[in-house]
């Protein structure tokens, strides 16, 4: 009887430990107009600049990318909108999760993501 109870308890513990729901990214918005998207180790934020927007990417709260301008474009042209900066930060973050560090982006990838011509 004790063996049966032990096996029942053991099988329940194993089944509970195997059933885990994946964590969804959370959205955090603070008073400074900065949007943070994060999971356990990868985070990005958009931030206002003079004349536009930029983004930063963190891994385990350590800054690894500070992008004050549109990547792959010559010059120092910031993103026109926060939405554009967020979309490219998401694209760069997805490249990091795929193992590309630094997350090199081409002008074609940026144009496809933003649905506009930058050249």
PDB file of N, CA and C in Angstrom:
ATOM      1  N   UNK A   1       0.820  -1.191   0.000  1.00  0.00           N
ATOM      2  CA  UNK A   1       0.000   0.000   0.000  1.00  0.00           C
ATOM      3  C   UNK A   1       0.871   1.266   0.000  1.00  0.00           C
ATOM      4  N   UNK A   2       1.963   1.232   0.804  1.00  0.00           N
ATOM      5  CA  UNK A   2       2.852   2.383   0.835  1.00  0.00           C
ATOM      6  C   UNK A   2       3.528   2.585  -0.516  1.00  0.00           C
ATOM      7  N   UNK A   3       3.856   1.480  -1.189  1.00  0.00           N
ATOM      8  CA  UNK A   3       4.499   1.573  -2.499  1.00  0.00           C
ATOM      9  C   UNK A   3       3.543   2.208  -3.500  1.00  0.00           C
ATOM     10  N   UNK A   4       2.272   1.808  -3.456  1.00  0.00           N
ATOM     11  CA  UNK A   4       1.275   2.376  -4.362  1.00  0.00           C
ATOM     12  C   UNK A   4       1.125   3.882  -4.122  1.00  0.00           C
ATOM     13  N   UNK A   5       1.067   4.304  -2.866  1.00  0.00           N
ATOM     14  CA  UNK A   5       0.953   5.723  -2.543  1.00  0.00           C
ATOM     15  C   UNK A   5       2.179   6.497  -3.000  1.00  0.00           C
ATOM     16  N   UNK A   6       3.354   5.902  -2.801  1.00  0.00           N
ATOM     17  CA  UNK A   6       4.594   6.546  -3.241  1.00  0.00           C
ATOM     18  C   UNK A   6       4.622   6.701  -4.753  1.00  0.00           C
ATOM     19  N   UNK A   7       4.230   5.642  -5.488  1.00  0.00           N
ATOM     20  CA  UNK A   7       4.213   5.722  -6.954  1.00  0.00           C
ATOM     21  C   UNK A   7       3.208   6.750  -7.448  1.00  0.00           C
ATOM     22  N   UNK A   8       2.063   6.820  -6.796  1.00  0.00           N
ATOM     23  CA  UNK A   8       1.045   7.801  -7.169  1.00  0.00           C
ATOM     24  C   UNK A   8       1.570   9.224  -6.938  1.00  0.00           C
ATOM     25  N   UNK A   9       2.189   9.466  -5.782  1.00  0.00           N
ATOM     26  CA  UNK A   9       2.751  10.774  -5.493  1.00  0.00           C
ATOM     27  C   UNK A   9       3.878  11.127  -6.468  1.00  0.00           C
ATOM     28  N   UNK A  10       4.741  10.167  -6.748  1.00  0.00           N
ATOM     29  CA  UNK A  10       5.853  10.384  -7.671  1.00  0.00           C
ATOM     30  C   UNK A  10       5.349  10.721  -9.076  1.00  0.00           C
ATOM     31  N   UNK A  11       4.359   9.984  -9.581  1.00  0.00           N
ATOM     32  CA  UNK A  11       3.839  10.248 -10.932  1.00  0.00           C
ATOM     33  C   UNK A  11       3.158  11.609 -10.990  1.00  0.00           C
ATOM     34  N   UNK A  12       2.478  12.018  -9.907  1.00  0.00           N
ATOM     35  CA  UNK A  12       1.842  13.333  -9.885  1.00  0.00           C
ATOM     36  C   UNK A  12       2.903  14.433  -9.918  1.00  0.00           C
ATOM     37  N   UNK A  13       3.967  14.281  -9.130  1.00  0.00           N
ATOM     38  CA  UNK A  13       5.039  15.278  -9.117  1.00  0.00           C
ATOM     39  C   UNK A  13       5.716  15.401 -10.481  1.00  0.00           C
ATOM     40  N   UNK A  14       5.941  14.278 -11.140  1.00  0.00           N
ATOM     41  CA  UNK A  14       6.572  14.300 -12.458  1.00  0.00           C
ATOM     42  C   UNK A  14       5.661  14.985 -13.461  1.00  0.00           C
ATOM     43  N   UNK A  15       4.370  14.683 -13.443  1.00  0.00           N
ATOM     44  CA  UNK A  15       3.453  15.295 -14.409  1.00  0.00           C
ATOM     45  C   UNK A  15       3.303  16.785 -14.174  1.00  0.00           C
ATOM     46  N   UNK A  16       3.295  17.224 -12.921  1.00  0.00           N
ATOM     47  CA  UNK A  16       3.189  18.652 -12.616  1.00  0.00           C
ATOM     48  C   UNK A  16       4.451  19.386 -13.052  1.00  0.00           C
ATOM     49  N   UNK A  17       5.610  18.775 -12.879  1.00  0.00           N
ATOM     50  CA  UNK A  17       6.848  19.454 -13.256  1.00  0.00           C
ATOM     51  C   UNK A  17       7.009  19.551 -14.768  1.00  0.00           C
ATOM     52  N   UNK A  18       6.374  18.679 -15.538  1.00  0.00           N
ATOM     53  CA  UNK A  18       6.488  18.718 -16.994  1.00  0.00           C
ATOM     54  C   UNK A  18       5.533  19.708 -17.630  1.00  0.00           C
ATOM     55  N   UNK A  19       4.459  20.043 -16.942  1.00  0.00           N
ATOM     56  CA  UNK A  19       3.458  20.953 -17.491  1.00  0.00           C
ATOM     57  C   UNK A  19       3.789  22.359 -17.032  1.00  0.00           C
ATOM     58  N   UNK A  20       4.379  23.152 -17.929  1.00  0.00           N
ATOM     59  CA  UNK A  20       4.714  24.533 -17.621  1.00  0.00           C
ATOM     60  C   UNK A  20       4.199  25.401 -18.750  1.00  0.00           C
ATOM     61  N   UNK A  21       3.610  26.501 -18.407  1.00  0.00           N
ATOM     62  CA  UNK A  21       3.150  27.434 -19.423  1.00  0.00           C
ATOM     63  C   UNK A  21       4.263  28.421 -19.717  1.00  0.00           C
ATOM     64  N   UNK A  22       4.519  28.692 -20.990  1.00  0.00           N
ATOM     65  CA  UNK A  22       5.570  29.668 -21.319  1.00  0.00           C
ATOM     66  C   UNK A  22       5.153  31.062 -20.869  1.00  0.00           C
ATOM     67  N   UNK A  23       6.139  31.812 -20.424  1.00  0.00           N
ATOM     68  CA  UNK A  23       5.860  33.177 -19.990  1.00  0.00           C
ATOM     69  C   UNK A  23       5.692  34.087 -21.191  1.00  0.00           C
ATOM     70  N   UNK A  24       4.701  34.947 -21.121  1.00  0.00           N
ATOM     71  CA  UNK A  24       4.473  35.919 -22.183  1.00  0.00           C
ATOM     72  C   UNK A  24       5.303  37.156 -21.883  1.00  0.00           C
ATOM     73  N   UNK A  25       5.791  37.838 -22.933  1.00  0.00           N
ATOM     74  CA  UNK A  25       6.481  39.107 -22.681  1.00  0.00           C
ATOM     75  C   UNK A  25       5.520  40.100 -22.035  1.00  0.00           C
ATOM     76  N   UNK A  26       6.023  40.857 -21.102  1.00  0.00           N
ATOM     77  CA  UNK A  26       5.217  41.835 -20.398  1.00  0.00           C
ATOM     78  C   UNK A  26       5.487  43.220 -20.978  1.00  0.00           C
ATOM     79  N   UNK A  27       4.510  44.062 -20.880  1.00  0.00           N
ATOM     80  CA  UNK A  27       4.651  45.443 -21.323  1.00  0.00           C
ATOM     81  C   UNK A  27       4.687  46.331 -20.098  1.00  0.00           C
ATOM     82  N   UNK A  28       5.685  47.144 -20.013  1.00  0.00           N
ATOM     83  CA  UNK A  28       5.821  48.060 -18.886  1.00  0.00           C
ATOM     84  C   UNK A  28       5.990  49.461 -19.448  1.00  0.00           C
ATOM     85  N   UNK A  29       5.220  50.373 -18.976  1.00  0.00           N
ATOM     86  CA  UNK A  29       5.307  51.746 -19.442  1.00  0.00           C
ATOM     87  C   UNK A  29       5.491  52.629 -18.222  1.00  0.00           C
ATOM     88  N   UNK A  30       6.582  53.368 -18.156  1.00  0.00           N
ATOM     89  CA  UNK A  30       6.789  54.236 -17.005  1.00  0.00           C
ATOM     90  C   UNK A  30       6.455  55.675 -17.373  1.00  0.00           C
ATOM     91  N   UNK A  31       6.647  56.574 -16.455  1.00  0.00           N
ATOM     92  CA  UNK A  31       6.246  57.959 -16.639  1.00  0.00           C
ATOM     93  C   UNK A  31       7.092  58.729 -17.630  1.00  0.00           C
ATOM     94  N   UNK A  32       8.187  58.170 -18.107  1.00  0.00           N
ATOM     95  CA  UNK A  32       9.090  58.904 -18.980  1.00  0.00           C
ATOM     96  C   UNK A  32       8.808  58.663 -20.456  1.00  0.00           C
ATOM     97  N   UNK A  33       7.729  57.962 -20.778  1.00  0.00           N
ATOM     98  CA  UNK A  33       7.399  57.703 -22.168  1.00  0.00           C
ATOM     99  C   UNK A  33       8.276  56.644 -22.794  1.00  0.00           C
ATOM    100  N   UNK A  34       8.949  55.845 -21.982  1.00  0.00           N
ATOM    101  CA  UNK A  34       9.825  54.804 -22.496  1.00  0.00           C
ATOM    102  C   UNK A  34       9.086  53.478 -22.408  1.00  0.00           C
ATOM    103  N   UNK A  35       9.062  52.754 -23.497  1.00  0.00           N
ATOM    104  CA  UNK A  35       8.408  51.447 -23.503  1.00  0.00           C
ATOM    105  C   UNK A  35       9.434  50.361 -23.271  1.00  0.00           C
ATOM    106  N   UNK A  36       9.153  49.464 -22.365  1.00  0.00           N
ATOM    107  CA  UNK A  36      10.017  48.326 -22.086  1.00  0.00           C
ATOM    108  C   UNK A  36       9.278  47.046 -22.458  1.00  0.00           C
ATOM    109  N   UNK A  37       9.918  46.181 -23.190  1.00  0.00           N
ATOM    110  CA  UNK A  37       9.406  44.850 -23.442  1.00  0.00           C
ATOM    111  C   UNK A  37      10.465  43.909 -22.906  1.00  0.00           C
ATOM    112  N   UNK A  38      10.046  42.897 -22.147  1.00  0.00           N
ATOM    113  CA  UNK A  38      11.065  42.055 -21.575  1.00  0.00           C
ATOM    114  C   UNK A  38      10.586  40.643 -21.323  1.00  0.00           C
ATOM    115  N   UNK A  39      11.534  39.738 -21.250  1.00  0.00           N
ATOM    116  CA  UNK A  39      11.318  38.399 -20.737  1.00  0.00           C
ATOM    117  C   UNK A  39      12.408  38.166 -19.703  1.00  0.00           C
ATOM    118  N   UNK A  40      12.754  36.937 -19.422  1.00  0.00           N
ATOM    119  CA  UNK A  40      13.711  36.679 -18.353  1.00  0.00           C
ATOM    120  C   UNK A  40      15.085  37.282 -18.609  1.00  0.00           C
ATOM    121  N   UNK A  41      15.564  37.268 -19.860  1.00  0.00           N
ATOM    122  CA  UNK A  41      16.931  37.711 -20.071  1.00  0.00           C
ATOM    123  C   UNK A  41      17.086  38.785 -21.149  1.00  0.00           C
ATOM    124  N   UNK A  42      16.173  38.905 -22.084  1.00  0.00           N
ATOM    125  CA  UNK A  42      16.305  39.865 -23.182  1.00  0.00           C
ATOM    126  C   UNK A  42      15.256  40.954 -23.037  1.00  0.00           C
ATOM    127  N   UNK A  43      15.704  42.195 -23.096  1.00  0.00           N
ATOM    128  CA  UNK A  43      14.813  43.345 -22.951  1.00  0.00           C
ATOM    129  C   UNK A  43      15.176  44.395 -23.986  1.00  0.00           C
ATOM    130  N   UNK A  44      14.203  45.197 -24.364  1.00  0.00           N
ATOM    131  CA  UNK A  44      14.526  46.381 -25.157  1.00  0.00           C
ATOM    132  C   UNK A  44      13.641  47.524 -24.739  1.00  0.00           C
ATOM    133  N   UNK A  45      14.131  48.717 -24.998  1.00  0.00           N
ATOM    134  CA  UNK A  45      13.367  49.916 -24.694  1.00  0.00           C
ATOM    135  C   UNK A  45      13.532  50.903 -25.834  1.00  0.00           C
ATOM    136  N   UNK A  46      12.497  51.684 -26.062  1.00  0.00           N
ATOM    137  CA  UNK A  46      12.599  52.809 -26.983  1.00  0.00           C
ATOM    138  C   UNK A  46      12.735  54.066 -26.122  1.00  0.00           C
ATOM    139  N   UNK A  47      13.461  55.044 -26.648  1.00  0.00           N
ATOM    140  CA  UNK A  47      13.649  56.267 -25.876  1.00  0.00           C
ATOM    141  C   UNK A  47      13.670  57.463 -26.812  1.00  0.00           C
ATOM    142  N   UNK A  48      13.126  58.598 -26.344  1.00  0.00           N
ATOM    143  CA  UNK A  48      13.097  59.799 -27.173  1.00  0.00           C
ATOM    144  C   UNK A  48      14.472  60.435 -27.284  1.00  0.00           C
ATOM    145  N   UNK A  49      14.727  60.991 -28.461  1.00  0.00           N
ATOM    146  CA  UNK A  49      15.959  61.732 -28.739  1.00  0.00           C
ATOM    147  C   UNK A  49      15.566  63.085 -29.308  1.00  0.00           C
ATOM    148  N   UNK A  50      16.513  63.964 -29.430  1.00  0.00           N
ATOM    149  CA  UNK A  50      16.197  65.209 -30.111  1.00  0.00           C
ATOM    150  C   UNK A  50      16.019  64.897 -31.592  1.00  0.00           C
ATOM    151  N   UNK A  51      14.839  65.097 -32.098  1.00  0.00           N
ATOM    152  CA  UNK A  51      14.561  64.861 -33.510  1.00  0.00           C
ATOM    153  C   UNK A  51      14.066  63.462 -33.837  1.00  0.00           C
ATOM    154  N   UNK A  52      13.775  62.623 -32.838  1.00  0.00           N
ATOM    155  CA  UNK A  52      13.276  61.291 -33.150  1.00  0.00           C
ATOM    156  C   UNK A  52      13.360  60.326 -31.988  1.00  0.00           C
ATOM    157  N   UNK A  53      13.539  59.042 -32.336  1.00  0.00           N
ATOM    158  CA  UNK A  53      13.554  57.963 -31.350  1.00  0.00           C
ATOM    159  C   UNK A  53      14.725  57.029 -31.591  1.00  0.00           C
ATOM    160  N   UNK A  54      15.167  56.366 -30.541  1.00  0.00           N
ATOM    161  CA  UNK A  54      16.191  55.337 -30.615  1.00  0.00           C
ATOM    162  C   UNK A  54      15.763  54.143 -29.781  1.00  0.00           C
ATOM    163  N   UNK A  55      16.624  53.140 -29.699  1.00  0.00           N
ATOM    164  CA  UNK A  55      16.317  51.995 -28.837  1.00  0.00           C
ATOM    165  C   UNK A  55      17.577  51.443 -28.207  1.00  0.00           C
ATOM    166  N   UNK A  56      17.367  50.705 -27.125  1.00  0.00           N
ATOM    167  CA  UNK A  56      18.447  50.009 -26.417  1.00  0.00           C
ATOM    168  C   UNK A  56      18.012  48.575 -26.191  1.00  0.00           C
ATOM    169  N   UNK A  57      18.970  47.652 -26.250  1.00  0.00           N
ATOM    170  CA  UNK A  57      18.695  46.241 -25.986  1.00  0.00           C
ATOM    171  C   UNK A  57      19.591  45.789 -24.844  1.00  0.00           C
ATOM    172  N   UNK A  58      18.996  45.067 -23.917  1.00  0.00           N
ATOM    173  CA  UNK A  58      19.705  44.564 -22.744  1.00  0.00           C
ATOM    174  C   UNK A  58      19.611  43.041 -22.700  1.00  0.00           C
ATOM    175  N   UNK A  59      20.662  42.426 -22.230  1.00  0.00           N
ATOM    176  CA  UNK A  59      20.616  41.007 -21.892  1.00  0.00           C
ATOM    177  C   UNK A  59      20.944  40.916 -20.406  1.00  0.00           C
ATOM    178  N   UNK A  60      20.021  40.342 -19.674  1.00  0.00           N
ATOM    179  CA  UNK A  60      20.130  40.242 -18.208  1.00  0.00           C
ATOM    180  C   UNK A  60      20.485  41.602 -17.596  1.00  0.00           C
ATOM    181  N   UNK A  61      19.766  42.615 -18.036  1.00  0.00           N
ATOM    182  CA  UNK A  61      19.883  43.981 -17.530  1.00  0.00           C
ATOM    183  C   UNK A  61      21.206  44.653 -17.869  1.00  0.00           C
ATOM    184  N   UNK A  62      22.001  44.052 -18.735  1.00  0.00           N
ATOM    185  CA  UNK A  62      23.254  44.666 -19.161  1.00  0.00           C
ATOM    186  C   UNK A  62      23.067  45.208 -20.574  1.00  0.00           C
ATOM    187  N   UNK A  63      23.396  46.479 -20.776  1.00  0.00           N
ATOM    188  CA  UNK A  63      23.242  47.113 -22.080  1.00  0.00           C
ATOM    189  C   UNK A  63      24.196  46.472 -23.086  1.00  0.00           C
ATOM    190  N   UNK A  64      23.622  45.970 -24.206  1.00  0.00           N
ATOM    191  CA  UNK A  64      24.475  45.409 -25.252  1.00  0.00           C
ATOM    192  C   UNK A  64      24.329  46.154 -26.568  1.00  0.00           C
ATOM    193  N   UNK A  65      23.203  46.838 -26.787  1.00  0.00           N
ATOM    194  CA  UNK A  65      23.004  47.618 -28.010  1.00  0.00           C
ATOM    195  C   UNK A  65      22.397  48.961 -27.618  1.00  0.00           C
ATOM    196  N   UNK A  66      23.044  50.029 -28.024  1.00  0.00           N
ATOM    197  CA  UNK A  66      22.493  51.378 -27.883  1.00  0.00           C
ATOM    198  C   UNK A  66      22.406  51.940 -29.291  1.00  0.00           C
ATOM    199  N   UNK A  67      21.195  52.025 -29.826  1.00  0.00           N
ATOM    200  CA  UNK A  67      21.004  52.419 -31.223  1.00  0.00           C
ATOM    201  C   UNK A  67      20.252  53.749 -31.294  1.00  0.00           C
ATOM    202  N   UNK A  68      20.971  54.872 -31.343  1.00  0.00           N
ATOM    203  CA  UNK A  68      20.301  56.162 -31.416  1.00  0.00           C
ATOM    204  C   UNK A  68      19.873  56.560 -32.830  1.00  0.00           C
ATOM    205  N   UNK A  69      20.257  55.763 -33.828  1.00  0.00           N
ATOM    206  CA  UNK A  69      19.883  56.099 -35.206  1.00  0.00           C
ATOM    207  C   UNK A  69      19.467  54.827 -35.954  1.00  0.00           C
ATOM    208  N   UNK A  70      18.967  55.013 -37.148  1.00  0.00           N
ATOM    209  CA  UNK A  70      18.514  53.881 -37.957  1.00  0.00           C
ATOM    210  C   UNK A  70      19.734  53.095 -38.431  1.00  0.00           C
ATOM    211  N   UNK A  71      19.795  51.797 -38.091  1.00  0.00           N
ATOM    212  CA  UNK A  71      20.944  51.010 -38.538  1.00  0.00           C
ATOM    213  C   UNK A  71      20.954  50.847 -40.049  1.00  0.00           C
ATOM    214  N   UNK A  72      22.106  50.637 -40.610  1.00  0.00           N
ATOM    215  CA  UNK A  72      22.323  50.403 -42.044  1.00  0.00           C
ATOM    216  C   UNK A  72      22.177  51.656 -42.890  1.00  0.00           C
ATOM    217  N   UNK A  73      21.865  52.786 -42.298  1.00  0.00           N
ATOM    218  CA  UNK A  73      21.810  54.052 -43.042  1.00  0.00           C
ATOM    219  C   UNK A  73      23.040  54.875 -42.692  1.00  0.00           C
ATOM    220  N   UNK A  74      23.585  55.532 -43.682  1.00  0.00           N
ATOM    221  CA  UNK A  74      24.715  56.411 -43.395  1.00  0.00           C
ATOM    222  C   UNK A  74      24.192  57.679 -42.719  1.00  0.00           C
ATOM    223  N   UNK A  75      25.010  58.253 -41.886  1.00  0.00           N
ATOM    224  CA  UNK A  75      24.593  59.450 -41.163  1.00  0.00           C
ATOM    225  C   UNK A  75      23.983  59.095 -39.822  1.00  0.00           C
ATOM    226  N   UNK A  76      23.445  60.101 -39.183  1.00  0.00           N
ATOM    227  CA  UNK A  76      22.864  59.930 -37.848  1.00  0.00           C
ATOM    228  C   UNK A  76      21.381  60.255 -37.869  1.00  0.00           C
ATOM    229  N   UNK A  77      20.617  59.500 -38.594  1.00  0.00           N
ATOM    230  CA  UNK A  77      19.189  59.753 -38.724  1.00  0.00           C
ATOM    231  C   UNK A  77      18.420  58.903 -37.704  1.00  0.00           C
ATOM    232  N   UNK A  78      17.773  59.535 -36.701  1.00  0.00           N
ATOM    233  CA  UNK A  78      16.994  58.760 -35.737  1.00  0.00           C
ATOM    234  C   UNK A  78      15.678  58.291 -36.358  1.00  0.00           C
ATOM    235  N   UNK A  79      15.003  57.377 -35.688  1.00  0.00           N
ATOM    236  CA  UNK A  79      13.690  56.924 -36.143  1.00  0.00           C
ATOM    237  C   UNK A  79      12.700  58.069 -35.988  1.00  0.00           C
ATOM    238  N   UNK A  80      11.785  58.189 -36.937  1.00  0.00           N
ATOM    239  CA  UNK A  80      10.808  59.286 -36.901  1.00  0.00           C
ATOM    240  C   UNK A  80       9.759  59.078 -35.825  1.00  0.00           C
ATOM    241  N   UNK A  81       9.367  57.803 -35.588  1.00  0.00           N
ATOM    242  CA  UNK A  81       8.317  57.523 -34.607  1.00  0.00           C
ATOM    243  C   UNK A  81       8.784  56.457 -33.621  1.00  0.00           C
ATOM    244  N   UNK A  82       8.118  56.422 -32.491  1.00  0.00           N
ATOM    245  CA  UNK A  82       8.408  55.409 -31.491  1.00  0.00           C
ATOM    246  C   UNK A  82       8.045  54.017 -32.023  1.00  0.00           C
ATOM    247  N   UNK A  83       7.005  53.940 -32.820  1.00  0.00           N
ATOM    248  CA  UNK A  83       6.581  52.656 -33.398  1.00  0.00           C
ATOM    249  C   UNK A  83       7.667  52.088 -34.302  1.00  0.00           C
ATOM    250  N   UNK A  84       8.287  52.921 -35.122  1.00  0.00           N
ATOM    251  CA  UNK A  84       9.375  52.457 -35.989  1.00  0.00           C
ATOM    252  C   UNK A  84      10.550  51.945 -35.162  1.00  0.00           C
ATOM    253  N   UNK A  85      10.913  52.686 -34.113  1.00  0.00           N
ATOM    254  CA  UNK A  85      12.017  52.254 -33.254  1.00  0.00           C
ATOM    255  C   UNK A  85      11.684  50.929 -32.575  1.00  0.00           C
ATOM    256  N   UNK A  86      10.440  50.780 -32.123  1.00  0.00           N
ATOM    257  CA  UNK A  86      10.019  49.546 -31.464  1.00  0.00           C
ATOM    258  C   UNK A  86      10.066  48.361 -32.422  1.00  0.00           C
ATOM    259  N   UNK A  87       9.584  48.539 -33.642  1.00  0.00           N
ATOM    260  CA  UNK A  87       9.583  47.445 -34.613  1.00  0.00           C
ATOM    261  C   UNK A  87      11.000  46.969 -34.931  1.00  0.00           C
ATOM    262  N   UNK A  88      11.928  47.901 -35.104  1.00  0.00           N
ATOM    263  CA  UNK A  88      13.300  47.509 -35.417  1.00  0.00           C
ATOM    264  C   UNK A  88      13.983  46.932 -34.184  1.00  0.00           C
ATOM    265  N   UNK A  89      13.650  47.425 -33.003  1.00  0.00           N
ATOM    266  CA  UNK A  89      14.182  46.819 -31.773  1.00  0.00           C
ATOM    267  C   UNK A  89      13.690  45.379 -31.629  1.00  0.00           C
ATOM    268  N   UNK A  90      12.433  45.126 -31.991  1.00  0.00           N
ATOM    269  CA  UNK A  90      11.902  43.756 -31.970  1.00  0.00           C
ATOM    270  C   UNK A  90      12.646  42.880 -32.974  1.00  0.00           C
ATOM    271  N   UNK A  91      12.899  43.414 -34.161  1.00  0.00           N
ATOM    272  CA  UNK A  91      13.617  42.666 -35.189  1.00  0.00           C
ATOM    273  C   UNK A  91      15.044  42.344 -34.723  1.00  0.00           C
ATOM    274  N   UNK A  92      15.727  43.330 -34.154  1.00  0.00           N
ATOM    275  CA  UNK A  92      17.085  43.101 -33.657  1.00  0.00           C
ATOM    276  C   UNK A  92      17.071  42.109 -32.496  1.00  0.00           C
ATOM    277  N   UNK A  93      16.080  42.211 -31.624  1.00  0.00           N
ATOM    278  CA  UNK A  93      15.967  41.270 -30.507  1.00  0.00           C
ATOM    279  C   UNK A  93      15.733  39.851 -30.996  1.00  0.00           C
ATOM    280  N   UNK A  94      14.924  39.700 -32.043  1.00  0.00           N
ATOM    281  CA  UNK A  94      14.684  38.354 -32.576  1.00  0.00           C
ATOM    282  C   UNK A  94      15.967  37.778 -33.179  1.00  0.00           C
ATOM    283  N   UNK A  95      16.785  38.632 -33.783  1.00  0.00           N
ATOM    284  CA  UNK A  95      18.067  38.146 -34.304  1.00  0.00           C
ATOM    285  C   UNK A  95      18.983  37.692 -33.170  1.00  0.00           C
ATOM    286  N   UNK A  96      18.953  38.405 -32.055  1.00  0.00           N
ATOM    287  CA  UNK A  96      19.767  38.011 -30.905  1.00  0.00           C
ATOM    288  C   UNK A  96      19.308  36.657 -30.385  1.00  0.00           C
ATOM    289  N   UNK A  97      17.993  36.450 -30.297  1.00  0.00           N
ATOM    290  CA  UNK A  97      17.490  35.164 -29.802  1.00  0.00           C
ATOM    291  C   UNK A  97      17.830  34.028 -30.759  1.00  0.00           C
ATOM    292  N   UNK A  98      18.098  34.347 -32.036  1.00  0.00           N
ATOM    293  CA  UNK A  98      18.511  33.328 -33.004  1.00  0.00           C
ATOM    294  C   UNK A  98      20.019  33.107 -32.981  1.00  0.00           C
ATOM    295  N   UNK A  99      20.731  33.863 -32.156  1.00  0.00           N
ATOM    296  CA  UNK A  99      22.168  33.661 -31.999  1.00  0.00           C
ATOM    297  C   UNK A  99      23.046  34.658 -32.723  1.00  0.00           C
ATOM    298  N   UNK A 100      22.470  35.679 -33.341  1.00  0.00           N
ATOM    299  CA  UNK A 100      23.260  36.688 -34.045  1.00  0.00           C
ATOM    300  C   UNK A 100      23.594  37.833 -33.094  1.00  0.00           C
ATOM    301  N   UNK A 101      24.851  37.942 -32.730  1.00  0.00           N
ATOM    302  CA  UNK A 101      25.277  39.017 -31.859  1.00  0.00           C
ATOM    303  C   UNK A 101      26.606  39.553 -32.365  1.00  0.00           C
ATOM    304  N   UNK A 102      26.704  40.765 -32.820  1.00  0.00           N
ATOM    305  CA  UNK A 102      25.679  41.802 -32.820  1.00  0.00           C
ATOM    306  C   UNK A 102      24.605  41.520 -33.861  1.00  0.00           C
ATOM    307  N   UNK A 103      23.416  42.037 -33.634  1.00  0.00           N
ATOM    308  CA  UNK A 103      22.302  41.788 -34.553  1.00  0.00           C
ATOM    309  C   UNK A 103      22.376  42.691 -35.783  1.00  0.00           C
ATOM    310  N   UNK A 104      23.124  42.280 -36.780  1.00  0.00           N
ATOM    311  CA  UNK A 104      23.306  43.087 -37.982  1.00  0.00           C
ATOM    312  C   UNK A 104      22.024  43.097 -38.805  1.00  0.00           C
ATOM    313  N   UNK A 105      21.576  44.299 -39.168  1.00  0.00           N
ATOM    314  CA  UNK A 105      20.355  44.454 -39.960  1.00  0.00           C
ATOM    315  C   UNK A 105      20.701  45.091 -41.299  1.00  0.00           C
ATOM    316  N   UNK A 106      20.063  44.601 -42.337  1.00  0.00           N
ATOM    317  CA  UNK A 106      20.267  45.191 -43.666  1.00  0.00           C
ATOM    318  C   UNK A 106      19.201  46.253 -43.910  1.00  0.00           C
ATOM    319  N   UNK A 107      19.461  47.110 -44.870  1.00  0.00           N
ATOM    320  CA  UNK A 107      18.492  48.149 -45.224  1.00  0.00           C
ATOM    321  C   UNK A 107      17.198  47.520 -45.741  1.00  0.00           C
ATOM    322  N   UNK A 108      17.316  46.382 -46.437  1.00  0.00           N
ATOM    323  CA  UNK A 108      16.128  45.700 -46.952  1.00  0.00           C
ATOM    324  C   UNK A 108      15.264  45.162 -45.821  1.00  0.00           C
ATOM    325  N   UNK A 109      15.891  44.592 -44.790  1.00  0.00           N
ATOM    326  CA  UNK A 109      15.129  44.097 -43.639  1.00  0.00           C
ATOM    327  C   UNK A 109      14.391  45.231 -42.934  1.00  0.00           C
ATOM    328  N   UNK A 110      15.055  46.353 -42.801  1.00  0.00           N
ATOM    329  CA  UNK A 110      14.443  47.501 -42.126  1.00  0.00           C
ATOM    330  C   UNK A 110      13.285  48.044 -42.958  1.00  0.00           C
ATOM    331  N   UNK A 111      13.487  48.178 -44.264  1.00  0.00           N
ATOM    332  CA  UNK A 111      12.421  48.673 -45.140  1.00  0.00           C
ATOM    333  C   UNK A 111      11.223  47.732 -45.132  1.00  0.00           C
ATOM    334  N   UNK A 112      11.473  46.408 -45.160  1.00  0.00           N
ATOM    335  CA  UNK A 112      10.357  45.457 -45.113  1.00  0.00           C
ATOM    336  C   UNK A 112       9.603  45.534 -43.809  1.00  0.00           C
ATOM    337  N   UNK A 113      10.305  45.699 -42.710  1.00  0.00           N
ATOM    338  CA  UNK A 113       9.677  45.754 -41.394  1.00  0.00           C
ATOM    339  C   UNK A 113       8.837  47.028 -41.231  1.00  0.00           C
ATOM    340  N   UNK A 114       9.342  48.133 -41.755  1.00  0.00           N
ATOM    341  CA  UNK A 114       8.652  49.423 -41.598  1.00  0.00           C
ATOM    342  C   UNK A 114       7.709  49.745 -42.748  1.00  0.00           C
ATOM    343  N   UNK A 115       7.749  48.949 -43.823  1.00  0.00           N
ATOM    344  CA  UNK A 115       6.919  49.183 -45.005  1.00  0.00           C
ATOM    345  C   UNK A 115       7.129  50.583 -45.591  1.00  0.00           C
ATOM    346  N   UNK A 116       8.388  50.994 -45.707  1.00  0.00           N
ATOM    347  CA  UNK A 116       8.694  52.265 -46.368  1.00  0.00           C
ATOM    348  C   UNK A 116      10.094  52.221 -46.948  1.00  0.00           C
ATOM    349  N   UNK A 117      10.367  53.141 -47.841  1.00  0.00           N
ATOM    350  CA  UNK A 117      11.665  53.235 -48.504  1.00  0.00           C
ATOM    351  C   UNK A 117      12.547  54.206 -47.731  1.00  0.00           C
ATOM    352  N   UNK A 118      13.765  53.787 -47.426  1.00  0.00           N
ATOM    353  CA  UNK A 118      14.690  54.638 -46.682  1.00  0.00           C
ATOM    354  C   UNK A 118      15.814  55.188 -47.531  1.00  0.00           C
ATOM    355  N   UNK A 119      16.073  54.601 -48.684  1.00  0.00           N
ATOM    356  CA  UNK A 119      17.191  55.027 -49.532  1.00  0.00           C
ATOM    357  C   UNK A 119      16.895  56.304 -50.232  1.00  0.00           C
TER     358      UNK A 119
END
